[in-house]
Amino acid sequence: MDPVRSVGGPRRLVRLEEPAPTDVMGLTSGVACVAAGEEHACALTTAGAVKCWGNDSLTGIGWGPNPVDIPGLSSGVVQIASGELDTCALLTDGSVKCWGRAASSKAHRCRTS
């Protein structure tokens, strides 16, 4: 059996490189929730930090297959939400920080409680 499977809708074809769920390097514990966009994902840790991985063609932070810390969000985050090409974080003081293409209207909620 070929370990590469293909899925997708009428617009595009996505190749899944892993035939089964695998651990995300560096995120095997301490994760409160995960929010995913079209080609990226972000994790909110139990310490209130945000780490993201995947395609980062919009921000230049330099993501890849392994999660990286998002600058300025090492603590104080209570919720994250990802759209197709963007992610936003709600902070404990009630403020919101977003990165990526903020025009996306397909955000999904991710709560810690």
Protein backbone atom coordinates (compact mmCIF):
# COMPACT_ATOMS: atom_id res chain seq x y z
CA MET A 1 0.00 0.00 0.00
CA ASP A 2 1.32 3.43 -0.96
CA PRO A 3 1.88 5.56 2.20
CA VAL A 4 0.81 8.72 0.33
CA ARG A 5 -2.94 9.23 0.08
CA SER A 6 -4.74 11.99 -1.78
CA VAL A 7 -7.87 13.81 -0.66
CA GLY A 8 -9.55 17.01 -1.70
CA GLY A 9 -12.58 18.71 -3.07
CA PRO A 10 -13.37 19.84 -6.58
CA ARG A 11 -10.92 22.78 -6.35
CA ARG A 12 -7.70 21.12 -5.26
CA LEU A 13 -5.93 17.92 -4.36
CA VAL A 14 -4.05 17.60 -1.07
CA ARG A 15 -1.43 14.93 -0.50
CA LEU A 16 -1.37 13.47 2.99
CA GLU A 17 2.13 12.24 3.69
CA GLU A 18 1.22 10.24 6.81
CA PRO A 19 -1.04 7.20 6.48
CA ALA A 20 -2.08 7.41 10.15
CA PRO A 21 -2.12 10.03 12.91
CA THR A 22 1.36 10.86 14.21
CA ASP A 23 2.74 12.96 17.04
CA VAL A 24 3.61 16.57 16.29
CA MET A 25 7.24 17.07 17.29
CA GLY A 26 7.45 19.04 20.52
CA LEU A 27 3.71 18.89 21.24
CA THR A 28 3.19 15.48 22.82
CA SER A 29 1.76 17.06 26.00
CA GLY A 30 0.69 20.42 27.43
CA VAL A 31 -1.69 21.35 24.60
CA ALA A 32 -5.06 22.90 25.48
CA CYS A 33 -6.43 23.02 21.92
CA VAL A 34 -5.50 23.15 18.24
CA ALA A 35 -6.85 25.40 15.47
CA ALA A 36 -6.11 24.62 11.81
CA GLY A 37 -6.30 26.62 8.61
CA GLU A 38 -5.86 25.57 5.01
CA GLU A 39 -2.13 24.81 5.19
CA HIS A 40 -1.19 25.58 8.79
CA ALA A 41 -2.09 24.66 12.35
CA CYS A 42 -1.56 26.34 15.71
CA ALA A 43 -1.63 24.95 19.23
CA LEU A 44 -2.58 26.82 22.39
CA THR A 45 -0.52 25.39 25.22
CA THR A 46 -1.70 24.96 28.80
CA ALA A 47 0.82 27.69 29.70
CA GLY A 48 -1.05 30.15 27.44
CA ALA A 49 1.50 30.21 24.60
CA VAL A 50 0.89 29.74 20.86
CA LYS A 51 2.98 27.52 18.59
CA CYS A 52 2.31 27.11 14.85
CA TRP A 53 3.52 24.89 12.02
CA GLY A 54 2.83 24.35 8.33
CA ASN A 55 2.93 26.77 5.40
CA ASP A 56 3.96 30.27 6.49
CA SER A 57 4.11 32.14 3.21
CA LEU A 58 2.32 35.18 4.67
CA THR A 59 4.11 36.13 7.90
CA GLY A 60 7.75 35.24 7.33
CA ILE A 61 8.13 33.76 10.83
CA GLY A 62 9.53 30.65 9.18
CA TRP A 63 7.22 27.80 10.06
CA GLY A 64 7.76 24.33 8.73
CA PRO A 65 6.86 20.82 9.79
CA ASN A 66 7.79 21.54 13.43
CA PRO A 67 5.95 24.00 15.72
CA VAL A 68 7.58 27.36 16.38
CA ASP A 69 6.78 29.93 19.06
CA ILE A 70 4.77 32.90 17.81
CA PRO A 71 6.59 36.12 18.81
CA GLY A 72 4.77 38.04 21.54
CA LEU A 73 2.51 35.11 22.42
CA SER A 74 4.56 33.10 24.89
CA SER A 75 1.90 33.50 27.62
CA GLY A 76 -1.45 35.15 28.32
CA VAL A 77 -3.45 33.58 25.48
CA VAL A 78 -6.84 32.09 26.41
CA GLN A 79 -8.28 31.20 23.00
CA ILE A 80 -7.16 30.79 19.38
CA ALA A 81 -9.05 30.65 16.10
CA SER A 82 -7.77 29.93 12.60
CA GLY A 83 -9.25 30.88 9.27
CA GLU A 84 -8.12 29.68 5.88
CA LEU A 85 -4.94 31.81 5.86
CA ASP A 86 -4.86 33.50 9.27
CA THR A 87 -4.96 32.91 13.00
CA CYS A 88 -6.07 35.12 15.89
CA ALA A 89 -5.43 34.90 19.62
CA LEU A 90 -7.58 36.26 22.44
CA LEU A 91 -5.45 37.42 25.37
CA THR A 92 -6.29 37.50 29.07
CA ASP A 93 -6.60 41.31 28.96
CA GLY A 94 -9.34 41.03 26.32
CA SER A 95 -7.18 42.18 23.41
CA VAL A 96 -6.84 40.24 20.15
CA LYS A 97 -3.72 39.66 18.04
CA CYS A 98 -3.94 38.26 14.50
CA TRP A 99 -1.40 37.19 11.89
CA GLY A 100 -1.61 35.98 8.31
CA ARG A 101 -4.23 37.21 5.88
CA ALA A 102 -6.79 38.72 8.29
CA ALA A 103 -9.41 39.07 5.54
CA SER A 104 -10.40 35.42 5.90
CA SER A 105 -13.98 35.02 7.07
CA LYS A 106 -13.91 31.31 7.87
CA ALA A 107 -12.52 31.35 11.42
CA HIS A 108 -13.16 28.39 13.69
CA ARG A 109 -13.36 28.65 17.46
CA CYS A 110 -11.05 26.82 19.81
CA ARG A 111 -11.71 27.15 23.55
CA THR A 112 -9.76 26.07 26.60
CA SER A 113 -12.85 25.57 28.76
